[in-house]
């Protein structure tokens, strides 16, 4: 098995455990202790904050399914294309439960330091989630 294949497998296994079963401690095999996750928020999440966000997301969407569509690994970099779907049955980011089913997608760009990911940049459209929840309207009628 190549080093790239091993990294792809490590990503798939940790994501399935964390996002799929809520076992966020499985991320400890994938993410470095000094891990930082960058998104549209100006303040990156550390490992603890990222785990907490997964727990709160899964609490709000208990039937959440996150699927990795594609992983490309080259050297110390990885690109992960993913999509998630679930039903909003508990409060999420201050939004009361709507009972709506939502679908979101995005991409994560990761940098390995040794055998663990040290940093990720995540891109997705939170407006799509808010629109699916009926909080905002996006686009034209």
C-alpha atoms as a PDB file:
ATOM      1  CA  UNK A   1       0.000   0.000   0.000  1.00  0.00           C
ATOM      2  CA  UNK A   2       1.390   3.395  -0.970  1.00  0.00           C
ATOM      3  CA  UNK A   3       1.776   6.272   1.503  1.00  0.00           C
ATOM      4  CA  UNK A   4      -1.031   8.131  -0.327  1.00  0.00           C
ATOM      5  CA  UNK A   5      -3.344   5.104  -0.079  1.00  0.00           C
ATOM      6  CA  UNK A   6      -2.593   4.830   3.653  1.00  0.00           C
ATOM      7  CA  UNK A   7      -3.459   8.500   4.140  1.00  0.00           C
ATOM      8  CA  UNK A   8      -6.698   8.117   2.147  1.00  0.00           C
ATOM      9  CA  UNK A   9      -7.633   5.156   4.319  1.00  0.00           C
ATOM     10  CA  UNK A  10      -6.821   7.027   7.526  1.00  0.00           C
ATOM     11  CA  UNK A  11      -9.006   9.966   6.437  1.00  0.00           C
ATOM     12  CA  UNK A  12     -11.919   7.707   5.469  1.00  0.00           C
ATOM     13  CA  UNK A  13     -11.773   5.719   8.715  1.00  0.00           C
ATOM     14  CA  UNK A  14     -11.545   8.753  11.025  1.00  0.00           C
ATOM     15  CA  UNK A  15     -14.295  10.683   9.170  1.00  0.00           C
ATOM     16  CA  UNK A  16     -16.633   7.668   9.252  1.00  0.00           C
ATOM     17  CA  UNK A  17     -16.132   7.270  13.005  1.00  0.00           C
ATOM     18  CA  UNK A  18     -16.401  10.990  13.848  1.00  0.00           C
ATOM     19  CA  UNK A  19     -19.077  12.216  11.447  1.00  0.00           C
ATOM     20  CA  UNK A  20     -20.874   8.877  10.998  1.00  0.00           C
ATOM     21  CA  UNK A  21     -20.943   7.479  14.533  1.00  0.00           C
ATOM     22  CA  UNK A  22     -20.092  10.548  16.636  1.00  0.00           C
ATOM     23  CA  UNK A  23     -16.822   9.004  17.860  1.00  0.00           C
ATOM     24  CA  UNK A  24     -14.899  12.283  17.704  1.00  0.00           C
ATOM     25  CA  UNK A  25     -11.932  10.820  19.596  1.00  0.00           C
ATOM     26  CA  UNK A  26     -11.212   8.769  16.452  1.00  0.00           C
ATOM     27  CA  UNK A  27      -9.913  12.052  15.021  1.00  0.00           C
ATOM     28  CA  UNK A  28      -6.934  11.794  17.371  1.00  0.00           C
ATOM     29  CA  UNK A  29      -5.410   9.248  14.977  1.00  0.00           C
ATOM     30  CA  UNK A  30      -5.786  11.673  12.053  1.00  0.00           C
ATOM     31  CA  UNK A  31      -5.344  15.193  13.446  1.00  0.00           C
ATOM     32  CA  UNK A  32      -2.284  16.551  15.230  1.00  0.00           C
ATOM     33  CA  UNK A  33      -2.616  17.956  18.776  1.00  0.00           C
ATOM     34  CA  UNK A  34      -1.914  21.443  17.368  1.00  0.00           C
ATOM     35  CA  UNK A  35      -4.508  21.055  14.597  1.00  0.00           C
ATOM     36  CA  UNK A  36      -6.224  24.165  13.202  1.00  0.00           C
ATOM     37  CA  UNK A  37      -9.349  24.245  11.017  1.00  0.00           C
ATOM     38  CA  UNK A  38      -9.927  27.349   8.920  1.00  0.00           C
ATOM     39  CA  UNK A  39     -13.314  28.241   7.438  1.00  0.00           C
ATOM     40  CA  UNK A  40     -15.266  31.414   6.781  1.00  0.00           C
ATOM     41  CA  UNK A  41     -14.997  32.242  10.497  1.00  0.00           C
ATOM     42  CA  UNK A  42     -11.999  34.554  11.057  1.00  0.00           C
ATOM     43  CA  UNK A  43     -10.940  32.475  14.081  1.00  0.00           C
ATOM     44  CA  UNK A  44      -9.717  28.947  13.310  1.00  0.00           C
ATOM     45  CA  UNK A  45     -10.986  26.014  15.370  1.00  0.00           C
ATOM     46  CA  UNK A  46      -8.546  23.950  17.368  1.00  0.00           C
ATOM     47  CA  UNK A  47      -9.002  20.208  17.806  1.00  0.00           C
ATOM     48  CA  UNK A  48     -11.264  20.535  20.855  1.00  0.00           C
ATOM     49  CA  UNK A  49     -13.516  23.110  19.203  1.00  0.00           C
ATOM     50  CA  UNK A  50     -13.738  21.016  16.035  1.00  0.00           C
ATOM     51  CA  UNK A  51     -14.769  17.923  18.013  1.00  0.00           C
ATOM     52  CA  UNK A  52     -17.380  19.988  19.887  1.00  0.00           C
ATOM     53  CA  UNK A  53     -18.786  21.288  16.587  1.00  0.00           C
ATOM     54  CA  UNK A  54     -19.194  17.723  15.287  1.00  0.00           C
ATOM     55  CA  UNK A  55     -20.975  16.703  18.508  1.00  0.00           C
ATOM     56  CA  UNK A  56     -23.356  19.694  18.307  1.00  0.00           C
ATOM     57  CA  UNK A  57     -24.003  19.117  14.600  1.00  0.00           C
ATOM     58  CA  UNK A  58     -24.810  15.437  15.197  1.00  0.00           C
ATOM     59  CA  UNK A  59     -27.084  16.398  18.119  1.00  0.00           C
ATOM     60  CA  UNK A  60     -29.049  18.753  15.856  1.00  0.00           C
ATOM     61  CA  UNK A  61     -29.070  16.278  12.947  1.00  0.00           C
ATOM     62  CA  UNK A  62     -29.045  12.812  14.591  1.00  0.00           C
ATOM     63  CA  UNK A  63     -29.544  11.027  11.253  1.00  0.00           C
ATOM     64  CA  UNK A  64     -26.582  12.890   9.732  1.00  0.00           C
ATOM     65  CA  UNK A  65     -24.813  11.053   6.945  1.00  0.00           C
ATOM     66  CA  UNK A  66     -21.531  12.471   5.684  1.00  0.00           C
ATOM     67  CA  UNK A  67     -20.082  10.896   2.574  1.00  0.00           C
ATOM     68  CA  UNK A  68     -16.599  11.399   1.204  1.00  0.00           C
ATOM     69  CA  UNK A  69     -17.010  11.717  -2.545  1.00  0.00           C
ATOM     70  CA  UNK A  70     -13.337  11.928  -3.421  1.00  0.00           C
ATOM     71  CA  UNK A  71      -9.933  12.127  -1.746  1.00  0.00           C
ATOM     72  CA  UNK A  72      -6.824  13.191  -3.620  1.00  0.00           C
ATOM     73  CA  UNK A  73      -3.500  12.937  -1.789  1.00  0.00           C
ATOM     74  CA  UNK A  74      -0.266  14.313  -3.143  1.00  0.00           C
ATOM     75  CA  UNK A  75       2.784  14.637  -0.943  1.00  0.00           C
ATOM     76  CA  UNK A  76       1.804  16.313   2.323  1.00  0.00           C
ATOM     77  CA  UNK A  77      -1.499  17.646   0.933  1.00  0.00           C
ATOM     78  CA  UNK A  78      -4.977  16.156   0.666  1.00  0.00           C
ATOM     79  CA  UNK A  79      -8.166  17.408  -0.985  1.00  0.00           C
ATOM     80  CA  UNK A  80     -11.431  15.925   0.237  1.00  0.00           C
ATOM     81  CA  UNK A  81     -14.761  16.498  -1.519  1.00  0.00           C
ATOM     82  CA  UNK A  82     -17.738  15.599   0.665  1.00  0.00           C
ATOM     83  CA  UNK A  83     -21.478  15.971   1.144  1.00  0.00           C
ATOM     84  CA  UNK A  84     -23.741  15.632   4.173  1.00  0.00           C
ATOM     85  CA  UNK A  85     -27.459  15.202   4.685  1.00  0.00           C
ATOM     86  CA  UNK A  86     -29.674  14.989   7.719  1.00  0.00           C
ATOM     87  CA  UNK A  87     -32.892  16.077   9.382  1.00  0.00           C
ATOM     88  CA  UNK A  88     -32.910  19.111  11.677  1.00  0.00           C
ATOM     89  CA  UNK A  89     -34.628  17.808  14.843  1.00  0.00           C
ATOM     90  CA  UNK A  90     -32.825  19.774  17.589  1.00  0.00           C
ATOM     91  CA  UNK A  91     -31.609  23.367  17.927  1.00  0.00           C
ATOM     92  CA  UNK A  92     -28.566  24.230  15.811  1.00  0.00           C
ATOM     93  CA  UNK A  93     -26.599  27.475  16.074  1.00  0.00           C
ATOM     94  CA  UNK A  94     -29.595  29.113  17.728  1.00  0.00           C
ATOM     95  CA  UNK A  95     -32.055  27.911  15.083  1.00  0.00           C
ATOM     96  CA  UNK A  96     -34.943  25.959  16.647  1.00  0.00           C
ATOM     97  CA  UNK A  97     -35.697  22.547  15.118  1.00  0.00           C
ATOM     98  CA  UNK A  98     -37.444  22.788  11.768  1.00  0.00           C
ATOM     99  CA  UNK A  99     -37.899  19.098  10.946  1.00  0.00           C
ATOM    100  CA  UNK A 100     -36.470  19.834   7.509  1.00  0.00           C
ATOM    101  CA  UNK A 101     -34.124  17.515   5.649  1.00  0.00           C
ATOM    102  CA  UNK A 102     -31.004  19.319   4.438  1.00  0.00           C
ATOM    103  CA  UNK A 103     -28.161  18.577   2.054  1.00  0.00           C
ATOM    104  CA  UNK A 104     -24.843  20.440   2.046  1.00  0.00           C
ATOM    105  CA  UNK A 105     -21.550  19.860   0.301  1.00  0.00           C
ATOM    106  CA  UNK A 106     -18.052  21.210   0.458  1.00  0.00           C
ATOM    107  CA  UNK A 107     -14.353  20.584   0.185  1.00  0.00           C
ATOM    108  CA  UNK A 108     -11.576  20.285   2.723  1.00  0.00           C
ATOM    109  CA  UNK A 109      -7.954  20.974   1.887  1.00  0.00           C
ATOM    110  CA  UNK A 110      -5.546  19.454   4.394  1.00  0.00           C
ATOM    111  CA  UNK A 111      -1.839  19.688   5.147  1.00  0.00           C
ATOM    112  CA  UNK A 112      -0.089  16.764   6.804  1.00  0.00           C
ATOM    113  CA  UNK A 113       2.783  17.193   9.237  1.00  0.00           C
ATOM    114  CA  UNK A 114       4.248  13.728   9.459  1.00  0.00           C
ATOM    115  CA  UNK A 115       1.443  11.186   9.747  1.00  0.00           C
ATOM    116  CA  UNK A 116      -1.235  13.585  11.001  1.00  0.00           C
ATOM    117  CA  UNK A 117      -3.127  16.515   9.568  1.00  0.00           C
ATOM    118  CA  UNK A 118      -1.916  19.778  11.101  1.00  0.00           C
ATOM    119  CA  UNK A 119      -4.180  22.190   9.266  1.00  0.00           C
ATOM    120  CA  UNK A 120      -7.343  22.213   7.170  1.00  0.00           C
ATOM    121  CA  UNK A 121      -9.082  24.815   5.073  1.00  0.00           C
ATOM    122  CA  UNK A 122     -12.769  24.059   4.610  1.00  0.00           C
ATOM    123  CA  UNK A 123     -15.021  25.619   2.025  1.00  0.00           C
ATOM    124  CA  UNK A 124     -18.804  25.197   1.926  1.00  0.00           C
ATOM    125  CA  UNK A 125     -21.783  27.495   1.600  1.00  0.00           C
ATOM    126  CA  UNK A 126     -23.512  27.986   4.976  1.00  0.00           C
ATOM    127  CA  UNK A 127     -26.214  29.967   3.137  1.00  0.00           C
ATOM    128  CA  UNK A 128     -27.344  26.703   1.523  1.00  0.00           C
ATOM    129  CA  UNK A 129     -27.864  25.209   4.987  1.00  0.00           C
ATOM    130  CA  UNK A 130     -29.705  28.292   6.277  1.00  0.00           C
ATOM    131  CA  UNK A 131     -31.852  28.347   3.138  1.00  0.00           C
ATOM    132  CA  UNK A 132     -32.712  24.647   3.509  1.00  0.00           C
ATOM    133  CA  UNK A 133     -33.697  25.319   7.124  1.00  0.00           C
ATOM    134  CA  UNK A 134     -35.957  28.147   5.970  1.00  0.00           C
ATOM    135  CA  UNK A 135     -33.982  30.777   7.885  1.00  0.00           C
ATOM    136  CA  UNK A 136     -33.021  32.792   4.798  1.00  0.00           C
ATOM    137  CA  UNK A 137     -33.939  32.808   1.132  1.00  0.00           C
ATOM    138  CA  UNK A 138     -31.181  32.483  -1.440  1.00  0.00           C
ATOM    139  CA  UNK A 139     -31.657  33.283  -5.112  1.00  0.00           C
ATOM    140  CA  UNK A 140     -34.637  34.571  -6.985  1.00  0.00           C
ATOM    141  CA  UNK A 141     -38.259  33.427  -6.952  1.00  0.00           C
END
